[in-house]
Protein backbone atom coordinates (compact mmCIF):
# COMPACT_ATOMS: atom_id res chain seq x y z
CA UNK A 1 249.57 67.48 -27.44
CA UNK A 2 246.26 66.98 -29.14
CA UNK A 3 244.26 66.91 -25.93
CA UNK A 4 245.41 70.45 -25.03
CA UNK A 5 242.88 73.38 -25.50
CA UNK A 6 243.24 75.00 -28.72
CA UNK A 7 243.16 78.55 -27.45
CA UNK A 8 246.38 78.02 -25.47
CA UNK A 9 249.81 77.62 -26.75
CA UNK A 10 250.53 73.96 -27.14
CA UNK A 11 253.72 72.33 -26.07
CA UNK A 12 255.49 68.80 -25.76
CA UNK A 13 256.71 68.85 -22.36
CA UNK A 14 255.35 70.66 -19.26
CA UNK A 15 258.83 70.77 -17.56
CA UNK A 16 262.18 71.67 -18.41
CA UNK A 17 265.23 69.61 -18.33
CA UNK A 18 268.24 70.66 -16.10
CA UNK A 19 271.44 68.80 -16.85
CA UNK A 20 273.33 70.15 -13.86
CA UNK A 21 270.56 69.16 -11.68
CA UNK A 22 270.51 65.54 -12.81
CA UNK A 23 274.05 65.24 -12.43
CA UNK A 24 273.96 66.55 -8.82
CA UNK A 25 270.99 64.06 -8.37
CA UNK A 26 273.17 60.94 -9.40
CA UNK A 27 276.30 62.22 -7.63
CA UNK A 28 274.91 63.18 -4.40
CA UNK A 29 276.92 60.69 -2.25
CA UNK A 30 280.18 61.84 -3.82
CA UNK A 31 279.64 65.53 -4.20
CA UNK A 32 276.99 66.52 -1.54
CA UNK A 33 278.15 70.14 -1.40
CA UNK A 34 276.81 70.54 -4.97
CA UNK A 35 273.29 69.77 -3.86
CA UNK A 36 273.74 71.91 -0.85
CA UNK A 37 274.65 74.90 -3.05
CA UNK A 38 271.80 74.24 -5.50
CA UNK A 39 269.45 74.15 -2.61
CA UNK A 40 270.47 77.13 -0.39
CA UNK A 41 272.46 74.87 2.11
CA UNK A 42 269.87 72.25 2.51
CA UNK A 43 269.36 68.64 0.93
CA UNK A 44 266.39 68.18 -1.33
CA UNK A 45 263.31 66.51 0.05
CA UNK A 46 263.87 62.79 1.04
CA UNK A 47 261.44 61.68 -1.70
CA UNK A 48 263.42 63.43 -4.41
CA UNK A 49 266.96 62.10 -3.47
CA UNK A 50 268.55 59.23 -5.46
CA UNK A 51 268.11 56.25 -3.20
CA UNK A 52 267.35 53.43 -5.67
CA UNK A 53 268.28 52.42 -9.15
CA UNK A 54 264.81 50.83 -9.69
CA UNK A 55 262.94 53.82 -8.36
CA UNK A 56 264.94 56.13 -10.58
CA UNK A 57 264.28 53.80 -13.56
CA UNK A 58 260.74 53.68 -12.90
CA UNK A 59 260.36 57.52 -12.65
CA UNK A 60 261.97 57.93 -16.22
CA UNK A 61 259.85 55.07 -17.69
CA UNK A 62 256.42 56.15 -16.12
CA UNK A 63 256.65 59.98 -15.73
CA UNK A 64 256.66 62.50 -18.66
CA UNK A 65 258.36 65.04 -16.39
CA UNK A 66 261.42 62.97 -15.64
CA UNK A 67 264.03 63.57 -18.42
CA UNK A 68 267.10 62.22 -16.71
CA UNK A 69 269.96 60.65 -18.66
CA UNK A 70 272.75 58.35 -17.44
CA UNK A 71 276.06 60.01 -16.60
CA UNK A 72 279.47 58.40 -17.55
CA UNK A 73 279.94 57.26 -14.07
CA UNK A 74 277.39 54.41 -14.67
CA UNK A 75 279.77 52.66 -17.02
CA UNK A 76 283.15 53.02 -15.16
CA UNK A 77 284.80 51.67 -12.15
CA UNK A 78 285.27 52.48 -9.28
CA UNK A 79 281.75 53.42 -8.56
CA UNK A 80 281.98 54.82 -4.97
CA UNK A 81 279.56 57.50 -6.03
CA UNK A 82 276.84 54.73 -5.35
CA UNK A 83 278.01 54.20 -1.71
CA UNK A 84 277.68 56.66 1.25
CA UNK A 85 281.23 56.56 2.16
CA UNK A 86 280.90 60.21 3.45
CA UNK A 87 278.26 59.13 5.99
CA UNK A 88 275.99 61.80 4.81
CA UNK A 89 272.89 62.57 7.05
CA UNK A 90 269.97 64.63 5.84
CA UNK A 91 267.50 66.38 8.18
CA UNK A 92 265.10 63.51 7.67
CA UNK A 93 267.34 60.56 8.06
CA UNK A 94 270.82 59.12 7.18
CA UNK A 95 271.47 58.54 3.51
CA UNK A 96 272.22 54.88 2.96
CA UNK A 97 273.96 53.26 -0.23
CA UNK A 98 271.97 53.33 -3.37
CA UNK A 99 269.81 50.18 -3.50
CA UNK A 100 270.88 48.17 -6.43
CA UNK A 101 268.74 45.93 -8.61
CA UNK A 102 268.34 42.42 -7.26
CA UNK A 103 270.39 41.06 -10.24
CA UNK A 104 273.49 42.97 -8.94
CA UNK A 105 275.45 41.23 -6.00
CA UNK A 106 277.55 44.50 -5.48
CA UNK A 107 278.49 47.88 -6.80
CA UNK A 108 281.19 46.32 -9.08
CA UNK A 109 278.84 43.65 -10.36
CA UNK A 110 276.31 46.32 -11.20
CA UNK A 111 278.73 48.43 -13.21
CA UNK A 112 280.14 45.40 -15.01
CA UNK A 113 276.73 44.06 -15.93
CA UNK A 114 275.41 47.59 -17.19
């Protein structure tokens, strides 16, 4: 904030949050039609899809533009939203299951240890 030029309006965040977009990001594997609707019939770029818990965590910790919050699904079973049971294929490549942290032996283990 202090490093911003004084002749410009100052602000805390250079981005805006979008709760619906974050929910769609997390739930891509269980509700792909939501992302397709948001992006005019296309999946978002591969680099911006939820593929890894560690990558998402790092993004929130290291970037001032990532304002995502966890959704209730992170705390309840079953957690099929972390698995690509619909066999979604994006234009760039097939979407796999979400990569879990090393300390989680399975989706159930991940949710239970959260």
